[in-house]
Structure formats: C-alpha cells, structure tokens
Protein backbone atom coordinates (compact mmCIF):
# COMPACT_ATOMS: atom_id res chain seq x y z
CA MET A 1 0.00 0.00 0.00
CA ALA A 2 1.41 3.35 -1.02
CA VAL A 3 1.69 6.13 1.53
CA LYS A 4 0.04 9.40 0.56
CA PHE A 5 2.39 12.30 -0.02
CA ALA A 6 0.28 14.61 2.15
CA HIS A 7 0.80 12.40 5.21
CA THR A 8 4.51 12.08 4.54
CA PHE A 9 4.91 15.82 4.04
CA MET A 10 2.91 16.61 7.18
CA TYR A 11 4.97 14.31 9.42
CA SER A 12 8.20 15.48 7.84
CA THR A 13 7.29 19.14 8.32
CA ILE A 14 6.35 18.62 11.97
CA THR A 15 9.58 16.70 12.62
CA ALA A 16 11.66 19.37 10.87
CA ALA A 17 9.96 22.17 12.81
CA VAL A 18 10.63 20.42 16.12
CA ALA A 19 14.28 19.85 15.17
CA GLY A 20 14.65 23.50 14.12
CA VAL A 21 13.13 24.77 17.36
CA VAL A 22 15.30 22.46 19.48
CA PHE A 23 18.41 23.65 17.63
CA TYR A 24 17.39 27.28 18.08
CA VAL A 25 16.73 26.89 21.80
CA LEU A 26 20.00 25.05 22.41
CA SER A 27 22.09 27.44 20.30
CA SER A 28 20.52 30.69 21.49
CA GLY A 29 22.22 30.33 24.87
CA ARG A 30 25.58 29.93 23.14
CA THR A 31 25.44 33.39 21.57
CA GLU A 32 25.47 34.97 25.03
CA VAL A 33 28.31 32.81 26.38
CA LEU A 34 30.65 32.63 23.39
CA GLU A 35 31.50 35.66 21.32
CA ALA A 36 32.34 33.50 18.32
CA TYR A 37 28.65 32.86 17.61
CA THR A 38 26.39 35.69 16.52
CA VAL A 39 22.62 35.91 16.33
CA ASN A 40 22.85 35.46 12.55
CA ASP A 41 24.67 32.17 13.08
CA THR A 42 21.80 30.98 15.24
CA TYR A 43 19.15 32.02 12.71
CA LEU A 44 20.92 30.57 9.69
CA GLY A 45 21.80 27.40 11.58
CA SER A 46 18.16 26.93 12.49
CA VAL A 47 17.11 27.33 8.86
CA PHE A 48 19.79 24.86 7.78
CA VAL A 49 18.67 22.29 10.37
CA LEU A 50 15.04 22.83 9.36
CA LEU A 51 15.76 22.20 5.66
CA LEU A 52 18.04 19.26 6.33
CA ALA A 53 15.51 17.64 8.66
CA LEU A 54 12.78 18.18 6.07
CA ILE A 55 14.79 16.43 3.37
CA ILE A 56 15.74 13.54 5.65
CA GLY A 57 12.17 13.28 6.91
CA LEU A 58 10.84 13.01 3.36
CA ALA A 59 13.17 10.07 2.83
CA VAL A 60 12.49 8.29 6.14
CA TRP A 61 8.79 8.85 6.92
CA PRO A 62 7.34 6.85 3.99
CA ARG A 63 9.09 3.71 5.21
CA VAL A 64 7.96 4.28 8.78
CA LEU A 65 4.36 4.93 7.73
CA GLU A 66 4.28 1.82 5.50
CA LYS A 67 5.42 -0.41 8.35
CA ASN A 68 2.84 1.00 10.76
CA GLY A 69 -0.01 1.25 8.23
C-alpha cells in the first residue's frame, strides 16, 4: 500500500519544525556565552537544520508509515 504524499509531508514538516526549534533553543544560549557565535549564526543554523531535517524526513517517513499502516 502506497503512503500518501500529504501524510509524509505533514509528518516530515512537523519533525523538521521540532528539530529547528530544538536547535534554536540550544544554540541561542551559546550566543550569550561565546562571542564567536552571533545571532545570525543561530538564525541561519536553524534554517539549515530545518531544511536538512525536512529532506531527511521526506526520505524516512514513507518507510515508517508503510510499516505502521
């Protein structure tokens, strides 16, 4: 049975958003402690993690959903 793209995209987007928020929360404290990291590094790193997690999620979630469905 094929997994619908809408379900895969929804789960992947939620997973990517959670990963991006976790990265932002963990790295936002670093900008105050270390002078090597700026606020722009935190923002761009969060976007990078969000996009990377979205791509990986689109590759992984269909297999997970097929096993459980």
